[in-house]
């Protein structure tokens, strides 16, 4: 976690406790849901990159605007999602967070990799 600035907007990053999901894990409510065992978590490959997503974010992934990931408008998002592995003992961890993008660093890196895959 040596990065000090967001890879997308270059704002200064903050450190915070997060749940395993790269997408929603920065939300403090997700830590409560993690402790209560409300979600399952999987590492998936999608859009040419890997991410850990909770079951809710996996189901909702196709609602993203494809242009956010460097895809053309109207391109399907998430249809290519492949399970890599189930996270058997999900735990809270520490990650950096961009207050401008409102995303944790793990998700920002995923978006960066997905955009690079789209550009290739």
PDB file of N, CA and C in Angstrom:
ATOM      1  N   UNK A   1       0.825  -1.189   0.000  1.00  0.00           N
ATOM      2  CA  UNK A   1       0.000   0.000   0.000  1.00  0.00           C
ATOM      3  C   UNK A   1       0.871   1.256   0.000  1.00  0.00           C
ATOM      4  N   UNK A   2       1.835   1.313  -0.860  1.00  0.00           N
ATOM      5  CA  UNK A   2       2.727   2.456  -0.880  1.00  0.00           C
ATOM      6  C   UNK A   2       2.137   3.654  -1.615  1.00  0.00           C
ATOM      7  N   UNK A   3       1.088   3.447  -2.373  1.00  0.00           N
ATOM      8  CA  UNK A   3       0.504   4.554  -3.120  1.00  0.00           C
ATOM      9  C   UNK A   3      -0.092   5.597  -2.178  1.00  0.00           C
ATOM     10  N   UNK A   4       0.133   6.853  -2.497  1.00  0.00           N
ATOM     11  CA  UNK A   4      -0.414   7.924  -1.672  1.00  0.00           C
ATOM     12  C   UNK A   4      -1.525   8.688  -2.384  1.00  0.00           C
ATOM     13  N   UNK A   5      -1.656   8.443  -3.722  1.00  0.00           N
ATOM     14  CA  UNK A   5      -2.656   9.160  -4.507  1.00  0.00           C
ATOM     15  C   UNK A   5      -3.463   8.200  -5.371  1.00  0.00           C
ATOM     16  N   UNK A   6      -4.685   8.563  -5.628  1.00  0.00           N
ATOM     17  CA  UNK A   6      -5.610   7.751  -6.426  1.00  0.00           C
ATOM     18  C   UNK A   6      -5.043   7.538  -7.839  1.00  0.00           C
ATOM     19  N   UNK A   7      -5.077   6.304  -8.334  1.00  0.00           N
ATOM     20  CA  UNK A   7      -4.585   6.060  -9.690  1.00  0.00           C
ATOM     21  C   UNK A   7      -5.494   6.611 -10.787  1.00  0.00           C
ATOM     22  N   UNK A   8      -6.709   7.024 -10.443  1.00  0.00           N
ATOM     23  CA  UNK A   8      -7.637   7.553 -11.448  1.00  0.00           C
ATOM     24  C   UNK A   8      -7.736   9.074 -11.425  1.00  0.00           C
ATOM     25  N   UNK A   9      -7.881   9.663 -10.245  1.00  0.00           N
ATOM     26  CA  UNK A   9      -8.078  11.121 -10.178  1.00  0.00           C
ATOM     27  C   UNK A   9      -6.922  11.851  -9.491  1.00  0.00           C
ATOM     28  N   UNK A  10      -6.001  11.111  -8.898  1.00  0.00           N
ATOM     29  CA  UNK A  10      -4.787  11.638  -8.259  1.00  0.00           C
ATOM     30  C   UNK A  10      -5.036  12.391  -6.953  1.00  0.00           C
ATOM     31  N   UNK A  11      -6.230  12.227  -6.377  1.00  0.00           N
ATOM     32  CA  UNK A  11      -6.487  12.804  -5.060  1.00  0.00           C
ATOM     33  C   UNK A  11      -5.699  12.029  -4.011  1.00  0.00           C
ATOM     34  N   UNK A  12      -5.430  12.670  -2.890  1.00  0.00           N
ATOM     35  CA  UNK A  12      -4.715  12.005  -1.808  1.00  0.00           C
ATOM     36  C   UNK A  12      -5.611  10.934  -1.180  1.00  0.00           C
ATOM     37  N   UNK A  13      -5.031   9.773  -0.932  1.00  0.00           N
ATOM     38  CA  UNK A  13      -5.785   8.645  -0.373  1.00  0.00           C
ATOM     39  C   UNK A  13      -5.786   8.685   1.147  1.00  0.00           C
ATOM     40  N   UNK A  14      -6.850   8.137   1.740  1.00  0.00           N
ATOM     41  CA  UNK A  14      -6.979   7.970   3.186  1.00  0.00           C
ATOM     42  C   UNK A  14      -6.898   6.480   3.492  1.00  0.00           C
ATOM     43  N   UNK A  15      -6.606   6.135   4.726  1.00  0.00           N
ATOM     44  CA  UNK A  15      -6.571   4.738   5.155  1.00  0.00           C
ATOM     45  C   UNK A  15      -7.834   4.467   5.967  1.00  0.00           C
ATOM     46  N   UNK A  16      -8.449   3.300   5.710  1.00  0.00           N
ATOM     47  CA  UNK A  16      -9.629   2.920   6.500  1.00  0.00           C
ATOM     48  C   UNK A  16      -9.782   1.408   6.548  1.00  0.00           C
ATOM     49  N   UNK A  17     -10.538   0.940   7.513  1.00  0.00           N
ATOM     50  CA  UNK A  17     -10.861  -0.477   7.621  1.00  0.00           C
ATOM     51  C   UNK A  17     -11.948  -0.783   6.599  1.00  0.00           C
ATOM     52  N   UNK A  18     -11.835  -1.936   5.935  1.00  0.00           N
ATOM     53  CA  UNK A  18     -12.770  -2.291   4.872  1.00  0.00           C
ATOM     54  C   UNK A  18     -13.194  -3.746   4.988  1.00  0.00           C
ATOM     55  N   UNK A  19     -14.352  -4.045   4.416  1.00  0.00           N
ATOM     56  CA  UNK A  19     -14.819  -5.414   4.232  1.00  0.00           C
ATOM     57  C   UNK A  19     -14.162  -5.953   2.958  1.00  0.00           C
ATOM     58  N   UNK A  20     -14.215  -7.261   2.697  1.00  0.00           N
ATOM     59  CA  UNK A  20     -13.496  -7.839   1.554  1.00  0.00           C
ATOM     60  C   UNK A  20     -13.922  -7.354   0.164  1.00  0.00           C
ATOM     61  N   UNK A  21     -15.164  -6.963  -0.031  1.00  0.00           N
ATOM     62  CA  UNK A  21     -15.641  -6.594  -1.362  1.00  0.00           C
ATOM     63  C   UNK A  21     -14.946  -5.335  -1.869  1.00  0.00           C
ATOM     64  N   UNK A  22     -14.330  -5.432  -3.044  1.00  0.00           N
ATOM     65  CA  UNK A  22     -13.646  -4.280  -3.627  1.00  0.00           C
ATOM     66  C   UNK A  22     -14.635  -3.166  -3.956  1.00  0.00           C
ATOM     67  N   UNK A  23     -15.864  -3.525  -4.300  1.00  0.00           N
ATOM     68  CA  UNK A  23     -16.851  -2.549  -4.746  1.00  0.00           C
ATOM     69  C   UNK A  23     -17.488  -1.803  -3.572  1.00  0.00           C
ATOM     70  N   UNK A  24     -18.071  -2.509  -2.635  1.00  0.00           N
ATOM     71  CA  UNK A  24     -18.806  -1.858  -1.543  1.00  0.00           C
ATOM     72  C   UNK A  24     -18.099  -1.939  -0.194  1.00  0.00           C
ATOM     73  N   UNK A  25     -16.953  -2.590  -0.132  1.00  0.00           N
ATOM     74  CA  UNK A  25     -16.287  -2.842   1.139  1.00  0.00           C
ATOM     75  C   UNK A  25     -15.834  -1.619   1.896  1.00  0.00           C
ATOM     76  N   UNK A  26     -15.770  -0.452   1.236  1.00  0.00           N
ATOM     77  CA  UNK A  26     -15.354   0.773   1.924  1.00  0.00           C
ATOM     78  C   UNK A  26     -16.478   1.387   2.747  1.00  0.00           C
ATOM     79  N   UNK A  27     -17.705   0.931   2.556  1.00  0.00           N
ATOM     80  CA  UNK A  27     -18.856   1.443   3.305  1.00  0.00           C
ATOM     81  C   UNK A  27     -18.806   0.878   4.725  1.00  0.00           C
ATOM     82  N   UNK A  28     -18.788   1.736   5.762  1.00  0.00           N
ATOM     83  CA  UNK A  28     -18.737   1.236   7.144  1.00  0.00           C
ATOM     84  C   UNK A  28     -19.856   0.242   7.480  1.00  0.00           C
ATOM     85  N   UNK A  29     -21.012   0.369   6.851  1.00  0.00           N
ATOM     86  CA  UNK A  29     -22.106  -0.576   7.102  1.00  0.00           C
ATOM     87  C   UNK A  29     -21.732  -1.980   6.659  1.00  0.00           C
ATOM     88  N   UNK A  30     -20.852  -2.084   5.679  1.00  0.00           N
ATOM     89  CA  UNK A  30     -20.429  -3.402   5.202  1.00  0.00           C
ATOM     90  C   UNK A  30     -19.615  -4.152   6.246  1.00  0.00           C
ATOM     91  N   UNK A  31     -18.927  -3.435   7.125  1.00  0.00           N
ATOM     92  CA  UNK A  31     -18.203  -4.097   8.208  1.00  0.00           C
ATOM     93  C   UNK A  31     -19.175  -4.774   9.170  1.00  0.00           C
ATOM     94  N   UNK A  32     -20.305  -4.125   9.401  1.00  0.00           N
ATOM     95  CA  UNK A  32     -21.348  -4.715  10.247  1.00  0.00           C
ATOM     96  C   UNK A  32     -21.911  -5.957   9.559  1.00  0.00           C
ATOM     97  N   UNK A  33     -22.207  -5.844   8.263  1.00  0.00           N
ATOM     98  CA  UNK A  33     -22.752  -6.973   7.510  1.00  0.00           C
ATOM     99  C   UNK A  33     -21.736  -8.116   7.425  1.00  0.00           C
ATOM    100  N   UNK A  34     -20.449  -7.796   7.343  1.00  0.00           N
ATOM    101  CA  UNK A  34     -19.413  -8.829   7.366  1.00  0.00           C
ATOM    102  C   UNK A  34     -19.439  -9.568   8.699  1.00  0.00           C
ATOM    103  N   UNK A  35     -19.490  -8.829   9.793  1.00  0.00           N
ATOM    104  CA  UNK A  35     -19.515  -9.440  11.127  1.00  0.00           C
ATOM    105  C   UNK A  35     -20.748 -10.308  11.328  1.00  0.00           C
ATOM    106  N   UNK A  36     -21.855  -9.926  10.698  1.00  0.00           N
ATOM    107  CA  UNK A  36     -23.096 -10.695  10.812  1.00  0.00           C
ATOM    108  C   UNK A  36     -23.183 -11.833   9.804  1.00  0.00           C
ATOM    109  N   UNK A  37     -22.207 -11.949   8.919  1.00  0.00           N
ATOM    110  CA  UNK A  37     -22.199 -13.023   7.921  1.00  0.00           C
ATOM    111  C   UNK A  37     -23.285 -12.885   6.863  1.00  0.00           C
ATOM    112  N   UNK A  38     -23.644 -11.655   6.508  1.00  0.00           N
ATOM    113  CA  UNK A  38     -24.739 -11.432   5.564  1.00  0.00           C
ATOM    114  C   UNK A  38     -24.369 -11.676   4.107  1.00  0.00           C
ATOM    115  N   UNK A  39     -23.069 -11.749   3.796  1.00  0.00           N
ATOM    116  CA  UNK A  39     -22.644 -11.909   2.409  1.00  0.00           C
ATOM    117  C   UNK A  39     -21.667 -13.061   2.258  1.00  0.00           C
ATOM    118  N   UNK A  40     -21.599 -13.580   1.036  1.00  0.00           N
ATOM    119  CA  UNK A  40     -20.499 -14.446   0.644  1.00  0.00           C
ATOM    120  C   UNK A  40     -19.599 -13.605  -0.242  1.00  0.00           C
ATOM    121  N   UNK A  41     -18.342 -14.002  -0.350  1.00  0.00           N
ATOM    122  CA  UNK A  41     -17.363 -13.245  -1.124  1.00  0.00           C
ATOM    123  C   UNK A  41     -16.616 -14.194  -2.040  1.00  0.00           C
ATOM    124  N   UNK A  42     -16.419 -13.753  -3.275  1.00  0.00           N
ATOM    125  CA  UNK A  42     -15.700 -14.545  -4.264  1.00  0.00           C
ATOM    126  C   UNK A  42     -14.679 -13.676  -4.971  1.00  0.00           C
ATOM    127  N   UNK A  43     -13.555 -14.286  -5.318  1.00  0.00           N
ATOM    128  CA  UNK A  43     -12.645 -13.641  -6.244  1.00  0.00           C
ATOM    129  C   UNK A  43     -13.142 -14.016  -7.626  1.00  0.00           C
ATOM    130  N   UNK A  44     -13.330 -13.018  -8.474  1.00  0.00           N
ATOM    131  CA  UNK A  44     -13.843 -13.238  -9.815  1.00  0.00           C
ATOM    132  C   UNK A  44     -12.914 -12.583 -10.829  1.00  0.00           C
ATOM    133  N   UNK A  45     -13.003 -13.069 -12.052  1.00  0.00           N
ATOM    134  CA  UNK A  45     -12.334 -12.403 -13.167  1.00  0.00           C
ATOM    135  C   UNK A  45     -13.430 -11.856 -14.051  1.00  0.00           C
ATOM    136  N   UNK A  46     -13.329 -10.561 -14.340  1.00  0.00           N
ATOM    137  CA  UNK A  46     -14.336  -9.890 -15.149  1.00  0.00           C
ATOM    138  C   UNK A  46     -13.675  -8.694 -15.828  1.00  0.00           C
ATOM    139  N   UNK A  47     -14.021  -8.455 -17.073  1.00  0.00           N
ATOM    140  CA  UNK A  47     -13.482  -7.334 -17.838  1.00  0.00           C
ATOM    141  C   UNK A  47     -11.959  -7.387 -17.940  1.00  0.00           C
ATOM    142  N   UNK A  48     -11.403  -8.596 -17.922  1.00  0.00           N
ATOM    143  CA  UNK A  48      -9.966  -8.763 -18.066  1.00  0.00           C
ATOM    144  C   UNK A  48      -9.161  -8.494 -16.809  1.00  0.00           C
ATOM    145  N   UNK A  49      -9.828  -8.414 -15.653  1.00  0.00           N
ATOM    146  CA  UNK A  49      -9.139  -8.145 -14.386  1.00  0.00           C
ATOM    147  C   UNK A  49      -9.793  -8.961 -13.276  1.00  0.00           C
ATOM    148  N   UNK A  50      -9.121  -9.037 -12.137  1.00  0.00           N
ATOM    149  CA  UNK A  50      -9.665  -9.782 -10.993  1.00  0.00           C
ATOM    150  C   UNK A  50     -10.083  -8.838  -9.882  1.00  0.00           C
ATOM    151  N   UNK A  51     -11.152  -9.253  -9.177  1.00  0.00           N
ATOM    152  CA  UNK A  51     -11.655  -8.484  -8.042  1.00  0.00           C
ATOM    153  C   UNK A  51     -12.322  -9.434  -7.064  1.00  0.00           C
ATOM    154  N   UNK A  52     -12.371  -9.044  -5.810  1.00  0.00           N
ATOM    155  CA  UNK A  52     -13.166  -9.754  -4.812  1.00  0.00           C
ATOM    156  C   UNK A  52     -14.479  -8.990  -4.703  1.00  0.00           C
ATOM    157  N   UNK A  53     -15.588  -9.691  -4.911  1.00  0.00           N
ATOM    158  CA  UNK A  53     -16.917  -9.077  -4.841  1.00  0.00           C
ATOM    159  C   UNK A  53     -17.821  -9.882  -3.925  1.00  0.00           C
ATOM    160  N   UNK A  54     -18.693  -9.193  -3.206  1.00  0.00           N
ATOM    161  CA  UNK A  54     -19.708  -9.878  -2.407  1.00  0.00           C
ATOM    162  C   UNK A  54     -20.815 -10.362  -3.350  1.00  0.00           C
ATOM    163  N   UNK A  55     -21.674 -11.222  -2.840  1.00  0.00           N
ATOM    164  CA  UNK A  55     -22.745 -11.767  -3.673  1.00  0.00           C
ATOM    165  C   UNK A  55     -23.674 -10.676  -4.206  1.00  0.00           C
ATOM    166  N   UNK A  56     -23.914  -9.620  -3.432  1.00  0.00           N
ATOM    167  CA  UNK A  56     -24.775  -8.537  -3.905  1.00  0.00           C
ATOM    168  C   UNK A  56     -24.113  -7.788  -5.066  1.00  0.00           C
ATOM    169  N   UNK A  57     -22.838  -7.434  -4.918  1.00  0.00           N
ATOM    170  CA  UNK A  57     -22.151  -6.681  -5.978  1.00  0.00           C
ATOM    171  C   UNK A  57     -21.954  -7.520  -7.233  1.00  0.00           C
ATOM    172  N   UNK A  58     -21.805  -8.831  -7.075  1.00  0.00           N
ATOM    173  CA  UNK A  58     -21.740  -9.688  -8.257  1.00  0.00           C
ATOM    174  C   UNK A  58     -23.048  -9.615  -9.032  1.00  0.00           C
ATOM    175  N   UNK A  59     -24.156  -9.699  -8.312  1.00  0.00           N
ATOM    176  CA  UNK A  59     -25.473  -9.671  -8.962  1.00  0.00           C
ATOM    177  C   UNK A  59     -25.762  -8.311  -9.590  1.00  0.00           C
ATOM    178  N   UNK A  60     -25.243  -7.254  -8.998  1.00  0.00           N
ATOM    179  CA  UNK A  60     -25.520  -5.886  -9.457  1.00  0.00           C
ATOM    180  C   UNK A  60     -24.489  -5.367 -10.464  1.00  0.00           C
ATOM    181  N   UNK A  61     -23.443  -6.121 -10.728  1.00  0.00           N
ATOM    182  CA  UNK A  61     -22.325  -5.627 -11.526  1.00  0.00           C
ATOM    183  C   UNK A  61     -22.739  -5.168 -12.921  1.00  0.00           C
ATOM    184  N   UNK A  62     -23.698  -5.837 -13.509  1.00  0.00           N
ATOM    185  CA  UNK A  62     -24.115  -5.483 -14.872  1.00  0.00           C
ATOM    186  C   UNK A  62     -24.787  -4.110 -14.957  1.00  0.00           C
ATOM    187  N   UNK A  63     -25.096  -3.494 -13.823  1.00  0.00           N
ATOM    188  CA  UNK A  63     -25.726  -2.172 -13.839  1.00  0.00           C
ATOM    189  C   UNK A  63     -24.707  -1.045 -14.059  1.00  0.00           C
ATOM    190  N   UNK A  64     -23.416  -1.357 -14.015  1.00  0.00           N
ATOM    191  CA  UNK A  64     -22.393  -0.334 -14.267  1.00  0.00           C
ATOM    192  C   UNK A  64     -22.474   0.183 -15.695  1.00  0.00           C
ATOM    193  N   UNK A  65     -22.164   1.465 -15.864  1.00  0.00           N
ATOM    194  CA  UNK A  65     -22.013   2.069 -17.183  1.00  0.00           C
ATOM    195  C   UNK A  65     -20.729   1.494 -17.780  1.00  0.00           C
ATOM    196  N   UNK A  66     -20.789   0.842 -18.923  1.00  0.00           N
ATOM    197  CA  UNK A  66     -19.583   0.223 -19.486  1.00  0.00           C
ATOM    198  C   UNK A  66     -18.465   1.217 -19.791  1.00  0.00           C
ATOM    199  N   UNK A  67     -18.808   2.483 -20.025  1.00  0.00           N
ATOM    200  CA  UNK A  67     -17.770   3.473 -20.330  1.00  0.00           C
ATOM    201  C   UNK A  67     -16.858   3.723 -19.127  1.00  0.00           C
ATOM    202  N   UNK A  68     -17.345   3.459 -17.914  1.00  0.00           N
ATOM    203  CA  UNK A  68     -16.527   3.596 -16.708  1.00  0.00           C
ATOM    204  C   UNK A  68     -15.320   2.664 -16.764  1.00  0.00           C
ATOM    205  N   UNK A  69     -15.498   1.532 -17.423  1.00  0.00           N
ATOM    206  CA  UNK A  69     -14.428   0.536 -17.543  1.00  0.00           C
ATOM    207  C   UNK A  69     -13.734   0.595 -18.904  1.00  0.00           C
ATOM    208  N   UNK A  70     -13.964   1.662 -19.669  1.00  0.00           N
ATOM    209  CA  UNK A  70     -13.309   1.828 -20.951  1.00  0.00           C
ATOM    210  C   UNK A  70     -13.966   1.065 -22.084  1.00  0.00           C
ATOM    211  N   UNK A  71     -15.172   0.563 -21.850  1.00  0.00           N
ATOM    212  CA  UNK A  71     -15.910  -0.162 -22.889  1.00  0.00           C
ATOM    213  C   UNK A  71     -16.842   0.795 -23.613  1.00  0.00           C
ATOM    214  N   UNK A  72     -17.266   0.446 -24.822  1.00  0.00           N
ATOM    215  CA  UNK A  72     -18.215   1.311 -25.539  1.00  0.00           C
ATOM    216  C   UNK A  72     -19.584   1.333 -24.864  1.00  0.00           C
ATOM    217  N   UNK A  73     -20.287   2.443 -25.028  1.00  0.00           N
ATOM    218  CA  UNK A  73     -21.641   2.574 -24.503  1.00  0.00           C
ATOM    219  C   UNK A  73     -22.499   1.440 -25.050  1.00  0.00           C
ATOM    220  N   UNK A  74     -23.245   0.787 -24.193  1.00  0.00           N
ATOM    221  CA  UNK A  74     -24.105  -0.317 -24.598  1.00  0.00           C
ATOM    222  C   UNK A  74     -23.435  -1.682 -24.552  1.00  0.00           C
ATOM    223  N   UNK A  75     -22.120  -1.721 -24.336  1.00  0.00           N
ATOM    224  CA  UNK A  75     -21.424  -3.013 -24.243  1.00  0.00           C
ATOM    225  C   UNK A  75     -21.866  -3.731 -22.968  1.00  0.00           C
ATOM    226  N   UNK A  76     -22.027  -5.049 -23.016  1.00  0.00           N
ATOM    227  CA  UNK A  76     -22.405  -5.775 -21.805  1.00  0.00           C
ATOM    228  C   UNK A  76     -21.286  -5.734 -20.769  1.00  0.00           C
ATOM    229  N   UNK A  77     -21.655  -5.567 -19.521  1.00  0.00           N
ATOM    230  CA  UNK A  77     -20.691  -5.527 -18.424  1.00  0.00           C
ATOM    231  C   UNK A  77     -21.027  -6.663 -17.463  1.00  0.00           C
ATOM    232  N   UNK A  78     -20.094  -7.544 -17.271  1.00  0.00           N
ATOM    233  CA  UNK A  78     -20.277  -8.604 -16.284  1.00  0.00           C
ATOM    234  C   UNK A  78     -20.674  -9.942 -16.844  1.00  0.00           C
ATOM    235  N   UNK A  79     -21.055 -10.013 -18.099  1.00  0.00           N
ATOM    236  CA  UNK A  79     -21.437 -11.313 -18.670  1.00  0.00           C
ATOM    237  C   UNK A  79     -20.268 -12.291 -18.707  1.00  0.00           C
ATOM    238  N   UNK A  80     -19.060 -11.747 -18.743  1.00  0.00           N
ATOM    239  CA  UNK A  80     -17.876 -12.592 -18.810  1.00  0.00           C
ATOM    240  C   UNK A  80     -17.323 -12.950 -17.427  1.00  0.00           C
ATOM    241  N   UNK A  81     -18.081 -12.672 -16.347  1.00  0.00           N
ATOM    242  CA  UNK A  81     -17.603 -12.917 -14.988  1.00  0.00           C
ATOM    243  C   UNK A  81     -17.388 -14.409 -14.753  1.00  0.00           C
ATOM    244  N   UNK A  82     -16.180 -14.739 -14.295  1.00  0.00           N
ATOM    245  CA  UNK A  82     -15.815 -16.122 -14.009  1.00  0.00           C
ATOM    246  C   UNK A  82     -15.368 -16.231 -12.553  1.00  0.00           C
ATOM    247  N   UNK A  83     -15.858 -17.253 -11.869  1.00  0.00           N
ATOM    248  CA  UNK A  83     -15.437 -17.504 -10.496  1.00  0.00           C
ATOM    249  C   UNK A  83     -13.992 -17.998 -10.499  1.00  0.00           C
ATOM    250  N   UNK A  84     -13.155 -17.364  -9.691  1.00  0.00           N
ATOM    251  CA  UNK A  84     -11.784 -17.825  -9.498  1.00  0.00           C
ATOM    252  C   UNK A  84     -11.722 -18.678  -8.243  1.00  0.00           C
ATOM    253  N   UNK A  85     -12.284 -18.154  -7.135  1.00  0.00           N
ATOM    254  CA  UNK A  85     -12.317 -18.912  -5.880  1.00  0.00           C
ATOM    255  C   UNK A  85     -13.269 -18.257  -4.893  1.00  0.00           C
ATOM    256  N   UNK A  86     -13.798 -19.041  -3.999  1.00  0.00           N
ATOM    257  CA  UNK A  86     -14.623 -18.553  -2.894  1.00  0.00           C
ATOM    258  C   UNK A  86     -13.691 -18.109  -1.775  1.00  0.00           C
ATOM    259  N   UNK A  87     -14.006 -17.002  -1.145  1.00  0.00           N
ATOM    260  CA  UNK A  87     -13.248 -16.546   0.029  1.00  0.00           C
ATOM    261  C   UNK A  87     -13.867 -17.251   1.230  1.00  0.00           C
ATOM    262  N   UNK A  88     -13.190 -18.249   1.741  1.00  0.00           N
ATOM    263  CA  UNK A  88     -13.794 -19.129   2.752  1.00  0.00           C
ATOM    264  C   UNK A  88     -13.877 -18.506   4.140  1.00  0.00           C
ATOM    265  N   UNK A  89     -12.936 -17.668   4.503  1.00  0.00           N
ATOM    266  CA  UNK A  89     -12.977 -17.024   5.817  1.00  0.00           C
ATOM    267  C   UNK A  89     -12.795 -15.519   5.638  1.00  0.00           C
ATOM    268  N   UNK A  90     -13.845 -14.833   5.192  1.00  0.00           N
ATOM    269  CA  UNK A  90     -13.715 -13.386   4.932  1.00  0.00           C
ATOM    270  C   UNK A  90     -13.445 -12.604   6.213  1.00  0.00           C
ATOM    271  N   UNK A  91     -12.541 -11.649   6.097  1.00  0.00           N
ATOM    272  CA  UNK A  91     -12.154 -10.826   7.243  1.00  0.00           C
ATOM    273  C   UNK A  91     -12.038  -9.372   6.812  1.00  0.00           C
ATOM    274  N   UNK A  92     -12.185  -8.492   7.775  1.00  0.00           N
ATOM    275  CA  UNK A  92     -11.928  -7.073   7.532  1.00  0.00           C
ATOM    276  C   UNK A  92     -10.426  -6.886   7.355  1.00  0.00           C
ATOM    277  N   UNK A  93     -10.066  -5.851   6.625  1.00  0.00           N
ATOM    278  CA  UNK A  93      -8.655  -5.519   6.425  1.00  0.00           C
ATOM    279  C   UNK A  93      -8.541  -3.997   6.341  1.00  0.00           C
ATOM    280  N   UNK A  94      -7.358  -3.533   6.034  1.00  0.00           N
ATOM    281  CA  UNK A  94      -7.121  -2.099   5.883  1.00  0.00           C
ATOM    282  C   UNK A  94      -6.777  -1.840   4.424  1.00  0.00           C
ATOM    283  N   UNK A  95      -7.340  -0.797   3.856  1.00  0.00           N
ATOM    284  CA  UNK A  95      -7.045  -0.399   2.492  1.00  0.00           C
ATOM    285  C   UNK A  95      -7.068   1.121   2.444  1.00  0.00           C
ATOM    286  N   UNK A  96      -6.595   1.659   1.357  1.00  0.00           N
ATOM    287  CA  UNK A  96      -6.692   3.102   1.158  1.00  0.00           C
ATOM    288  C   UNK A  96      -7.989   3.401   0.424  1.00  0.00           C
ATOM    289  N   UNK A  97      -8.421   4.645   0.538  1.00  0.00           N
ATOM    290  CA  UNK A  97      -9.720   5.081   0.034  1.00  0.00           C
ATOM    291  C   UNK A  97      -9.560   6.457  -0.588  1.00  0.00           C
ATOM    292  N   UNK A  98     -10.167   6.643  -1.771  1.00  0.00           N
ATOM    293  CA  UNK A  98     -10.148   7.956  -2.425  1.00  0.00           C
ATOM    294  C   UNK A  98     -11.429   8.706  -2.061  1.00  0.00           C
ATOM    295  N   UNK A  99     -11.321   9.820  -1.351  1.00  0.00           N
ATOM    296  CA  UNK A  99     -12.518  10.582  -0.992  1.00  0.00           C
ATOM    297  C   UNK A  99     -13.183  11.255  -2.196  1.00  0.00           C
ATOM    298  N   UNK A 100     -12.440  11.473  -3.274  1.00  0.00           N
ATOM    299  CA  UNK A 100     -13.002  12.081  -4.480  1.00  0.00           C
ATOM    300  C   UNK A 100     -13.797  11.042  -5.288  1.00  0.00           C
ATOM    301  N   UNK A 101     -13.189   9.910  -5.569  1.00  0.00           N
ATOM    302  CA  UNK A 101     -13.856   8.844  -6.341  1.00  0.00           C
ATOM    303  C   UNK A 101     -14.822   8.041  -5.480  1.00  0.00           C
ATOM    304  N   UNK A 102     -14.640   8.113  -4.162  1.00  0.00           N
ATOM    305  CA  UNK A 102     -15.444   7.373  -3.194  1.00  0.00           C
ATOM    306  C   UNK A 102     -15.317   5.860  -3.413  1.00  0.00           C
ATOM    307  N   UNK A 103     -14.075   5.424  -3.601  1.00  0.00           N
ATOM    308  CA  UNK A 103     -13.762   4.017  -3.843  1.00  0.00           C
ATOM    309  C   UNK A 103     -12.501   3.635  -3.086  1.00  0.00           C
ATOM    310  N   UNK A 104     -12.433   2.338  -2.738  1.00  0.00           N
ATOM    311  CA  UNK A 104     -11.205   1.844  -2.105  1.00  0.00           C
ATOM    312  C   UNK A 104     -10.161   1.577  -3.171  1.00  0.00           C
ATOM    313  N   UNK A 105      -8.902   1.584  -2.766  1.00  0.00           N
ATOM    314  CA  UNK A 105      -7.797   1.441  -3.693  1.00  0.00           C
ATOM    315  C   UNK A 105      -7.871   0.130  -4.474  1.00  0.00           C
ATOM    316  N   UNK A 106      -8.275  -0.956  -3.844  1.00  0.00           N
ATOM    317  CA  UNK A 106      -8.379  -2.236  -4.558  1.00  0.00           C
ATOM    318  C   UNK A 106      -9.318  -2.117  -5.752  1.00  0.00           C
ATOM    319  N   UNK A 107     -10.455  -1.428  -5.593  1.00  0.00           N
ATOM    320  CA  UNK A 107     -11.390  -1.256  -6.699  1.00  0.00           C
ATOM    321  C   UNK A 107     -10.819  -0.317  -7.753  1.00  0.00           C
ATOM    322  N   UNK A 108     -10.141   0.728  -7.333  1.00  0.00           N
ATOM    323  CA  UNK A 108      -9.532   1.666  -8.276  1.00  0.00           C
ATOM    324  C   UNK A 108      -8.478   0.964  -9.136  1.00  0.00           C
ATOM    325  N   UNK A 109      -7.698   0.078  -8.521  1.00  0.00           N
ATOM    326  CA  UNK A 109      -6.722  -0.703  -9.292  1.00  0.00           C
ATOM    327  C   UNK A 109      -7.432  -1.640 -10.269  1.00  0.00           C
ATOM    328  N   UNK A 110      -8.549  -2.233  -9.830  1.00  0.00           N
ATOM    329  CA  UNK A 110      -9.339  -3.096 -10.706  1.00  0.00           C
ATOM    330  C   UNK A 110      -9.839  -2.298 -11.918  1.00  0.00           C
ATOM    331  N   UNK A 111     -10.380  -1.117 -11.680  1.00  0.00           N
ATOM    332  CA  UNK A 111     -10.873  -0.280 -12.782  1.00  0.00           C
ATOM    333  C   UNK A 111      -9.737   0.064 -13.734  1.00  0.00           C
ATOM    334  N   UNK A 112      -8.589   0.415 -13.185  1.00  0.00           N
ATOM    335  CA  UNK A 112      -7.426   0.724 -14.004  1.00  0.00           C
ATOM    336  C   UNK A 112      -7.030  -0.466 -14.875  1.00  0.00           C
ATOM    337  N   UNK A 113      -7.038  -1.683 -14.320  1.00  0.00           N
ATOM    338  CA  UNK A 113      -6.694  -2.884 -15.072  1.00  0.00           C
ATOM    339  C   UNK A 113      -7.751  -3.187 -16.133  1.00  0.00           C
ATOM    340  N   UNK A 114      -9.033  -2.994 -15.792  1.00  0.00           N
ATOM    341  CA  UNK A 114     -10.113  -3.231 -16.749  1.00  0.00           C
ATOM    342  C   UNK A 114     -10.017  -2.249 -17.917  1.00  0.00           C
ATOM    343  N   UNK A 115      -9.684  -1.006 -17.626  1.00  0.00           N
ATOM    344  CA  UNK A 115      -9.527  -0.014 -18.708  1.00  0.00           C
ATOM    345  C   UNK A 115      -8.343  -0.361 -19.598  1.00  0.00           C
ATOM    346  N   UNK A 116      -7.258  -0.826 -18.995  1.00  0.00           N
ATOM    347  CA  UNK A 116      -6.091  -1.232 -19.780  1.00  0.00           C
ATOM    348  C   UNK A 116      -6.433  -2.434 -20.668  1.00  0.00           C
ATOM    349  N   UNK A 117      -7.216  -3.351 -20.148  1.00  0.00           N
ATOM    350  CA  UNK A 117      -7.646  -4.520 -20.928  1.00  0.00           C
ATOM    351  C   UNK A 117      -8.509  -4.077 -22.097  1.00  0.00           C
ATOM    352  N   UNK A 118      -9.383  -3.107 -21.868  1.00  0.00           N
ATOM    353  CA  UNK A 118     -10.253  -2.616 -22.944  1.00  0.00           C
ATOM    354  C   UNK A 118      -9.465  -1.904 -24.028  1.00  0.00           C
ATOM    355  N   UNK A 119      -8.376  -1.257 -23.634  1.00  0.00           N
ATOM    356  CA  UNK A 119      -7.565  -0.494 -24.578  1.00  0.00           C
ATOM    357  C   UNK A 119      -6.631  -1.386 -25.383  1.00  0.00           C
ATOM    358  N   UNK A 120      -6.397  -2.596 -24.898  1.00  0.00           N
ATOM    359  CA  UNK A 120      -5.441  -3.510 -25.577  1.00  0.00           C
ATOM    360  C   UNK A 120      -6.003  -4.074 -26.863  1.00  0.00           C
TER     361      UNK A 120
END
